[in-house]
Amino acid sequence: MSMIEPELPNGYSGTLASLKELVTTAQLRAQQAASTAMVEMYWAIGATILQRQAQEPWGSKILQRLASDMKASFPNMRGFSRSNLFYMRSFAATWDFTDPDTRDRIGALAWGHIIELLKLKDPEVRDWYACMAIEQNWKLTVLEHQIATGLHRRIGAAPNNLEARLPADGAELAQNVAKDPLVLDFLGLTSEAEELAIEEAMTQRMTQTLAEFGRGFAFYGRQYHLDVEGEDFYIDLLLVHVPTNRFVVVELKAGKFRPEHLGQLNFYVAAVNDLVKFPGMAPAVGILVCGSKHEPTVRYALDGSSQPIAVTSYTYETLPAKEREALPSPAAITAALEQGTVGDPGITDE
């Protein structure tokens, strides 16, 4: 005899969905709590090692023995390698977890993030990346990339007139959008790549492109059509900067910056403000991305620009050699474009 499925009551699907979300949220909180507890434990182990080393000769051999004994005592736990014990010691020497503010702030990071931060010798730079990793919820791979490409030196560095043209929020906006240079290693192109090839590769790898432009960017269109009373124009990339609710017009120039480039970009920004911008949106800004630039020439050109604009260069040479080798080759990118597609290790335990 077959059993008849009972009719589901009204609202069952919604209740099921809310319960599944409840379980997922609880699991995430449990994982975060476990990660925080592990980080605090690692700091305490590191602090103990520092204390013992201050009192008696606890050198590399003792730490190797300690690693072996800890592994034997806790065979189901990872993280008690000799190298990890050294990281724990460095961790305790770098941050003071007896300070509640420090414990709450650094304790929110995963152990893999902390290891990456410990490799930075400058305390101010290290704390800057720690704050950015927490604020922007960077994955470990993102943190590694931003450190490798020197984000702290590049952010807000592009020549711009944003503060002069947008007095209310130009200074803050410059920090968000005026990054120089843009690191486009992930496109797998050569320095001789034409503008169309750069644009196509950026579109195919839009997630990475937006991450490199900065936080809060969203893709709106490529070769975005402007109909200016019967004349056709096309914007290379049109983005939206969500935090400030404004369009960002991106114009790509493969060669060296020329003053006339800004004339075209000024026109596009003005047209977007008049023809594309939605009611309530802030004025659009422009970013000119070029292969190279002469700073005095850029400054003079920006002074004569009527629209808020930043000028940045791009590079393929910032990443270390090993990271560049891991990127797809120009041939692979080309093949993928022709087909229309482009194809957190938190604990060391050596």
Protein backbone atom coordinates (compact mmCIF):
# COMPACT_ATOMS: atom_id res chain seq x y z
CA MET A 1 0.00 0.00 0.00
CA SER A 2 1.46 3.33 -1.03
CA MET A 3 1.52 6.16 1.46
CA ILE A 4 -0.17 9.36 0.43
CA GLU A 5 1.94 12.43 0.96
CA PRO A 6 0.10 14.86 3.25
CA GLU A 7 -0.75 18.24 1.82
CA LEU A 8 1.72 20.86 2.92
CA PRO A 9 0.25 23.70 4.95
CA ASN A 10 0.35 27.24 3.68
CA GLY A 11 3.65 28.93 4.35
CA TYR A 12 5.61 25.67 4.66
CA SER A 13 8.16 26.63 1.99
CA GLY A 14 8.80 30.00 3.63
CA THR A 15 9.19 28.39 7.05
CA LEU A 16 11.64 25.82 5.65
CA ALA A 17 13.67 28.55 3.99
CA SER A 18 13.86 30.58 7.21
CA LEU A 19 14.90 27.52 9.24
CA LYS A 20 17.63 26.67 6.72
CA GLU A 21 18.89 30.26 6.96
CA LEU A 22 18.82 29.99 10.76
CA VAL A 23 20.95 26.82 10.69
CA THR A 24 23.40 28.30 8.17
CA THR A 25 23.78 31.47 10.26
CA ALA A 26 24.36 29.41 13.42
CA GLN A 27 26.97 27.30 11.62
CA LEU A 28 28.77 30.43 10.43
CA ARG A 29 28.74 31.92 13.93
CA ALA A 30 30.10 28.65 15.34
CA GLN A 31 32.89 28.62 12.73
CA GLN A 32 33.77 32.23 13.49
CA ALA A 33 33.77 31.56 17.22
CA ALA A 34 36.00 28.51 16.73
CA SER A 35 38.39 30.52 14.54
CA THR A 36 38.57 33.32 17.13
CA ALA A 37 39.20 30.81 19.94
CA MET A 38 42.00 29.19 17.91
CA VAL A 39 43.66 32.55 17.24
CA GLU A 40 43.50 33.41 20.94
CA MET A 41 45.00 29.99 21.77
CA TYR A 42 47.84 30.56 19.28
CA TRP A 43 48.58 33.93 20.84
CA ALA A 44 48.68 32.36 24.33
CA ILE A 45 51.07 29.64 23.10
CA GLY A 46 53.27 32.30 21.48
CA ALA A 47 53.24 34.39 24.67
CA THR A 48 54.28 31.33 26.70
CA ILE A 49 57.18 30.63 24.31
CA LEU A 50 58.31 34.27 24.56
CA GLN A 51 58.18 34.09 28.34
CA ARG A 52 60.21 30.86 28.47
CA GLN A 53 62.77 32.20 26.01
CA ALA A 54 63.25 35.27 28.20
CA GLN A 55 64.11 33.02 31.15
CA GLU A 56 66.14 30.18 29.58
CA PRO A 57 67.63 29.11 26.23
CA TRP A 58 64.63 27.90 24.24
CA GLY A 59 66.12 27.69 20.75
CA SER A 60 65.12 25.99 17.51
CA LYS A 61 65.81 22.48 18.82
CA ILE A 62 63.50 22.99 21.80
CA LEU A 63 60.76 24.33 19.54
CA GLN A 64 61.17 21.32 17.25
CA ARG A 65 60.76 19.04 20.28
CA LEU A 66 57.77 21.08 21.45
CA ALA A 67 56.16 20.74 18.01
CA SER A 68 56.65 16.96 18.05
CA ASP A 69 55.24 16.60 21.56
CA MET A 70 52.23 18.80 20.80
CA LYS A 71 51.46 16.80 17.65
CA ALA A 72 51.72 13.54 19.63
CA SER A 73 49.43 14.89 22.34
CA PHE A 74 46.85 16.23 19.91
CA PRO A 75 47.06 13.99 16.80
CA ASN A 76 43.76 15.23 15.39
CA MET A 77 44.74 18.91 15.49
CA ARG A 78 46.66 20.67 12.76
CA GLY A 79 48.84 23.70 13.30
CA PHE A 80 51.52 22.45 15.70
CA SER A 81 54.36 22.46 13.18
CA ARG A 82 57.69 24.03 14.09
CA SER A 83 57.12 26.86 11.60
CA ASN A 84 53.68 27.57 13.07
CA LEU A 85 55.18 27.79 16.57
CA PHE A 86 57.56 30.44 15.28
CA TYR A 87 54.57 32.31 13.82
CA MET A 88 52.80 32.06 17.19
CA ARG A 89 55.83 33.55 18.91
CA SER A 90 55.98 36.36 16.35
CA PHE A 91 52.23 36.88 16.75
CA ALA A 92 52.54 37.36 20.51
CA ALA A 93 55.50 39.70 20.03
CA THR A 94 53.60 41.83 17.51
CA TRP A 95 50.18 42.31 19.11
CA ASP A 96 49.18 42.52 22.77
CA PHE A 97 46.07 40.42 23.34
CA THR A 98 45.86 41.58 26.95
CA ASP A 99 44.47 44.79 25.40
CA PRO A 100 40.73 44.10 24.76
CA ASP A 101 40.59 46.41 21.71
CA THR A 102 43.51 44.64 20.06
CA ARG A 103 42.09 41.22 20.91
CA ASP A 104 38.68 42.10 19.45
CA ARG A 105 40.19 43.62 16.30
CA ILE A 106 42.96 41.16 15.41
CA GLY A 107 41.04 38.20 16.82
CA ALA A 108 38.48 38.72 14.05
CA LEU A 109 41.10 37.72 11.46
CA ALA A 110 41.74 34.16 10.33
CA TRP A 111 45.11 32.63 11.17
CA GLY A 112 46.17 32.62 7.52
CA HIS A 113 45.58 36.38 7.35
CA ILE A 114 47.62 36.91 10.51
CA ILE A 115 50.54 34.91 9.10
CA GLU A 116 50.51 37.06 5.96
CA LEU A 117 50.43 40.25 8.03
CA LEU A 118 53.32 39.09 10.21
CA LYS A 119 55.54 39.10 7.11
CA LEU A 120 55.23 42.90 7.00
CA LYS A 121 57.94 44.60 9.02
CA ASP A 122 56.51 48.13 9.16
CA PRO A 123 53.97 48.26 12.05
CA GLU A 124 51.93 51.08 10.47
CA VAL A 125 51.68 49.29 7.12
CA ARG A 126 50.85 46.02 8.88
CA ASP A 127 48.04 47.63 10.90
CA TRP A 128 46.72 49.39 7.77
CA TYR A 129 46.34 46.08 5.93
CA ALA A 130 44.82 44.46 9.03
CA CYS A 131 42.17 47.18 9.22
CA MET A 132 41.45 46.97 5.48
CA ALA A 133 41.18 43.17 5.61
CA ILE A 134 38.61 43.40 8.42
CA GLU A 135 36.68 46.36 6.99
CA GLN A 136 36.43 44.93 3.47
CA ASN A 137 36.23 41.26 4.49
CA TRP A 138 39.14 40.27 2.23
CA LYS A 139 39.75 36.64 1.50
CA LEU A 140 43.32 35.48 2.07
CA THR A 141 44.08 35.51 -1.66
CA VAL A 142 42.88 39.12 -1.89
CA LEU A 143 45.03 40.16 1.07
CA GLU A 144 48.07 38.47 -0.47
CA HIS A 145 47.45 40.23 -3.79
CA GLN A 146 46.96 43.66 -2.21
CA ILE A 147 50.16 43.32 -0.17
CA ALA A 148 52.15 42.00 -3.15
CA THR A 149 51.03 44.93 -5.32
CA GLY A 150 51.57 47.59 -2.62
CA LEU A 151 47.98 48.80 -2.34
CA HIS A 152 48.89 51.16 0.52
CA ARG A 153 51.15 53.07 -1.89
CA ARG A 154 48.77 53.01 -4.86
CA ILE A 155 45.45 53.98 -3.27
CA GLY A 156 44.56 57.61 -3.89
CA ALA A 157 47.81 58.15 -5.82
CA ALA A 158 46.39 58.85 -9.30
CA PRO A 159 46.60 62.50 -10.39
CA ASN A 160 43.07 63.90 -10.23
CA ASN A 161 40.99 67.05 -9.87
CA LEU A 162 38.20 65.40 -7.87
CA GLU A 163 38.59 67.59 -4.79
CA ALA A 164 38.59 70.77 -6.88
CA ARG A 165 35.58 69.74 -9.00
CA LEU A 166 33.63 68.04 -6.17
CA PRO A 167 34.48 70.03 -3.00
CA ALA A 168 31.94 68.21 -0.80
CA ASP A 169 33.21 64.66 -1.23
CA GLY A 170 36.11 64.81 -3.70
CA ALA A 171 38.85 64.04 -1.17
CA GLU A 172 37.15 60.87 0.05
CA LEU A 173 36.21 59.88 -3.49
CA ALA A 174 39.84 60.18 -4.59
CA GLN A 175 40.81 57.61 -1.98
CA ASN A 176 38.20 55.25 -3.40
CA VAL A 177 38.72 55.61 -7.15
CA ALA A 178 42.13 57.22 -7.79
CA LYS A 179 44.43 54.20 -7.59
CA ASP A 180 47.75 54.39 -9.46
CA PRO A 181 48.90 52.22 -11.09
CA LEU A 182 46.16 49.70 -11.76
CA VAL A 183 47.70 46.22 -11.65
CA LEU A 184 46.29 44.20 -14.53
CA ASP A 185 48.57 41.15 -14.36
CA PHE A 186 45.53 38.88 -14.17
CA LEU A 187 44.60 39.81 -17.74
CA GLY A 188 47.62 37.87 -19.04
CA LEU A 189 48.37 40.50 -21.69
CA THR A 190 51.63 42.08 -22.80
CA SER A 191 52.53 45.76 -22.50
CA GLU A 192 51.98 46.10 -26.27
CA ALA A 193 48.33 45.02 -26.08
CA GLU A 194 45.89 47.16 -28.02
CA GLU A 195 43.02 48.98 -26.31
CA LEU A 196 40.40 46.56 -27.65
CA ALA A 197 42.32 43.54 -26.33
CA ILE A 198 42.65 45.17 -22.90
CA GLU A 199 38.96 46.06 -22.88
CA GLU A 200 37.89 42.54 -23.91
CA ALA A 201 40.12 40.89 -21.31
CA MET A 202 38.91 43.25 -18.58
CA THR A 203 35.31 42.43 -19.49
CA GLN A 204 35.96 38.66 -19.45
CA ARG A 205 37.62 38.98 -16.04
CA MET A 206 35.25 41.61 -14.71
CA THR A 207 35.23 40.40 -11.10
CA GLN A 208 39.00 40.81 -10.81
CA THR A 209 38.90 44.06 -12.77
CA LEU A 210 36.34 45.58 -10.40
CA ALA A 211 38.34 44.40 -7.38
CA GLU A 212 41.44 46.11 -8.78
CA PHE A 213 39.57 49.36 -9.40
CA GLY A 214 38.55 49.37 -5.74
CA ARG A 215 35.79 48.64 -3.30
CA GLY A 216 32.16 49.18 -4.28
CA PHE A 217 32.41 49.16 -8.09
CA ALA A 218 29.76 47.46 -10.24
CA PHE A 219 29.75 46.81 -13.99
CA TYR A 220 27.15 48.72 -16.02
CA GLY A 221 28.24 48.35 -19.63
CA ARG A 222 31.04 47.90 -22.15
CA GLN A 223 31.12 49.99 -25.34
CA TYR A 224 28.12 51.75 -23.82
CA HIS A 225 26.19 53.52 -26.58
CA LEU A 226 25.50 57.24 -26.35
CA ASP A 227 23.08 58.74 -28.86
CA VAL A 228 23.82 62.46 -28.86
CA GLU A 229 21.06 63.90 -31.05
CA GLY A 230 21.71 61.43 -33.85
CA GLU A 231 25.49 61.03 -33.44
CA ASP A 232 26.80 57.76 -31.99
CA PHE A 233 29.52 57.48 -29.36
CA TYR A 234 30.71 54.49 -27.33
CA ILE A 235 32.16 54.51 -23.81
CA ASP A 236 34.83 51.83 -23.25
CA LEU A 237 33.59 50.83 -19.78
CA LEU A 238 30.77 52.32 -17.74
CA LEU A 239 30.85 51.42 -14.03
CA VAL A 240 28.83 52.42 -11.00
CA HIS A 241 30.49 53.34 -7.71
CA VAL A 242 27.79 52.04 -5.39
CA PRO A 243 28.90 53.70 -2.10
CA THR A 244 28.64 57.19 -3.64
CA ASN A 245 25.82 56.35 -6.10
CA ARG A 246 27.50 57.71 -9.22
CA PHE A 247 28.53 56.55 -12.67
CA VAL A 248 32.24 56.16 -13.38
CA VAL A 249 33.25 56.54 -17.03
CA VAL A 250 36.42 54.56 -17.87
CA GLU A 251 38.34 55.40 -21.02
CA LEU A 252 41.24 53.13 -22.05
CA LYS A 253 44.33 54.36 -23.90
CA ALA A 254 47.04 51.81 -24.60
CA GLY A 255 49.78 54.36 -25.23
CA LYS A 256 51.16 57.41 -23.45
CA PHE A 257 48.83 60.03 -22.00
CA ARG A 258 47.98 62.93 -24.33
CA PRO A 259 46.10 66.08 -23.23
CA GLU A 260 43.49 65.55 -25.93
CA HIS A 261 42.46 62.30 -24.23
CA LEU A 262 40.81 64.35 -21.50
CA GLY A 263 38.71 66.25 -24.04
CA GLN A 264 37.03 63.00 -25.07
CA LEU A 265 36.57 61.88 -21.47
CA ASN A 266 35.16 65.30 -20.46
CA PHE A 267 32.59 64.91 -23.23
CA TYR A 268 31.62 61.41 -22.09
CA VAL A 269 31.22 62.43 -18.44
CA ALA A 270 29.06 65.42 -19.39
CA ALA A 271 26.93 63.25 -21.69
CA VAL A 272 26.43 60.57 -19.01
CA ASN A 273 25.31 63.25 -16.55
CA ASP A 274 22.77 64.55 -19.08
CA LEU A 275 21.60 61.39 -20.84
CA VAL A 276 22.26 58.38 -18.56
CA LYS A 277 22.35 59.47 -14.91
CA PHE A 278 19.23 58.60 -12.92
CA PRO A 279 17.45 61.15 -10.70
CA GLY A 280 19.11 61.35 -7.30
CA MET A 281 22.48 60.04 -8.47
CA ALA A 282 25.64 62.03 -7.75
CA PRO A 283 27.58 63.58 -10.66
CA ALA A 284 29.59 61.13 -12.75
CA VAL A 285 33.37 61.03 -12.66
CA GLY A 286 35.88 59.84 -15.23
CA ILE A 287 38.95 57.63 -15.03
CA LEU A 288 41.44 57.68 -17.88
CA VAL A 289 43.55 54.49 -17.89
CA CYS A 290 46.68 54.86 -20.01
CA GLY A 291 49.87 52.93 -20.65
CA SER A 292 52.13 55.65 -19.26
CA LYS A 293 51.98 59.31 -18.33
CA HIS A 294 54.13 62.41 -17.78
CA GLU A 295 53.00 63.85 -14.45
CA PRO A 296 53.43 67.60 -15.28
CA THR A 297 51.48 67.15 -18.53
CA VAL A 298 48.69 65.38 -16.66
CA ARG A 299 48.51 68.14 -14.03
CA TYR A 300 48.19 70.90 -16.63
CA ALA A 301 45.53 68.93 -18.50
CA LEU A 302 43.56 68.27 -15.30
CA ASP A 303 43.61 71.98 -14.40
CA GLY A 304 41.83 72.71 -17.68
CA SER A 305 39.33 69.88 -17.32
CA SER A 306 35.74 70.88 -16.59
CA GLN A 307 34.73 67.46 -15.24
CA PRO A 308 35.99 65.51 -12.19
CA ILE A 309 38.61 63.12 -13.56
CA ALA A 310 41.47 60.90 -12.40
CA VAL A 311 44.31 59.70 -14.65
CA THR A 312 45.96 56.38 -13.84
CA SER A 313 48.43 54.14 -15.59
CA TYR A 314 48.37 50.36 -15.67
CA THR A 315 51.10 47.80 -15.21
CA TYR A 316 51.63 44.07 -15.68
CA GLU A 317 54.93 43.99 -13.80
CA THR A 318 54.04 44.58 -10.15
CA LEU A 319 53.40 41.01 -9.05
CA PRO A 320 56.35 38.78 -8.06
CA ALA A 321 57.70 36.46 -10.76
CA LYS A 322 56.11 33.33 -9.27
CA GLU A 323 52.66 34.93 -9.25
CA ARG A 324 53.06 36.18 -12.82
CA GLU A 325 54.04 32.66 -13.95
CA ALA A 326 50.76 31.35 -12.54
CA LEU A 327 48.72 33.71 -14.71
CA PRO A 328 47.28 32.61 -18.07
CA SER A 329 49.43 33.33 -21.10
CA PRO A 330 48.42 35.93 -23.73
CA ALA A 331 47.78 33.01 -26.12
CA ALA A 332 45.41 31.40 -23.61
CA ILE A 333 43.55 34.68 -23.10
CA THR A 334 43.23 35.15 -26.87
CA ALA A 335 41.89 31.61 -27.33
CA ALA A 336 39.40 32.10 -24.51
CA LEU A 337 38.21 35.41 -25.92
CA GLU A 338 37.62 33.77 -29.29
CA GLN A 339 35.39 31.23 -27.53
CA GLY A 340 33.67 33.94 -25.50
CA THR A 341 34.94 32.68 -22.10
CA VAL A 342 37.97 32.80 -19.93
CA GLY A 343 38.39 29.90 -18.46
CA ASP A 344 41.92 29.80 2.58
CA PRO A 345 44.78 27.76 3.61
CA GLY A 346 44.63 29.17 7.13
CA ILE A 347 47.12 26.84 8.87
CA THR A 348 50.63 25.85 7.96
CA ASP A 349 51.50 22.28 8.90
CA GLU A 350 54.93 21.57 7.48
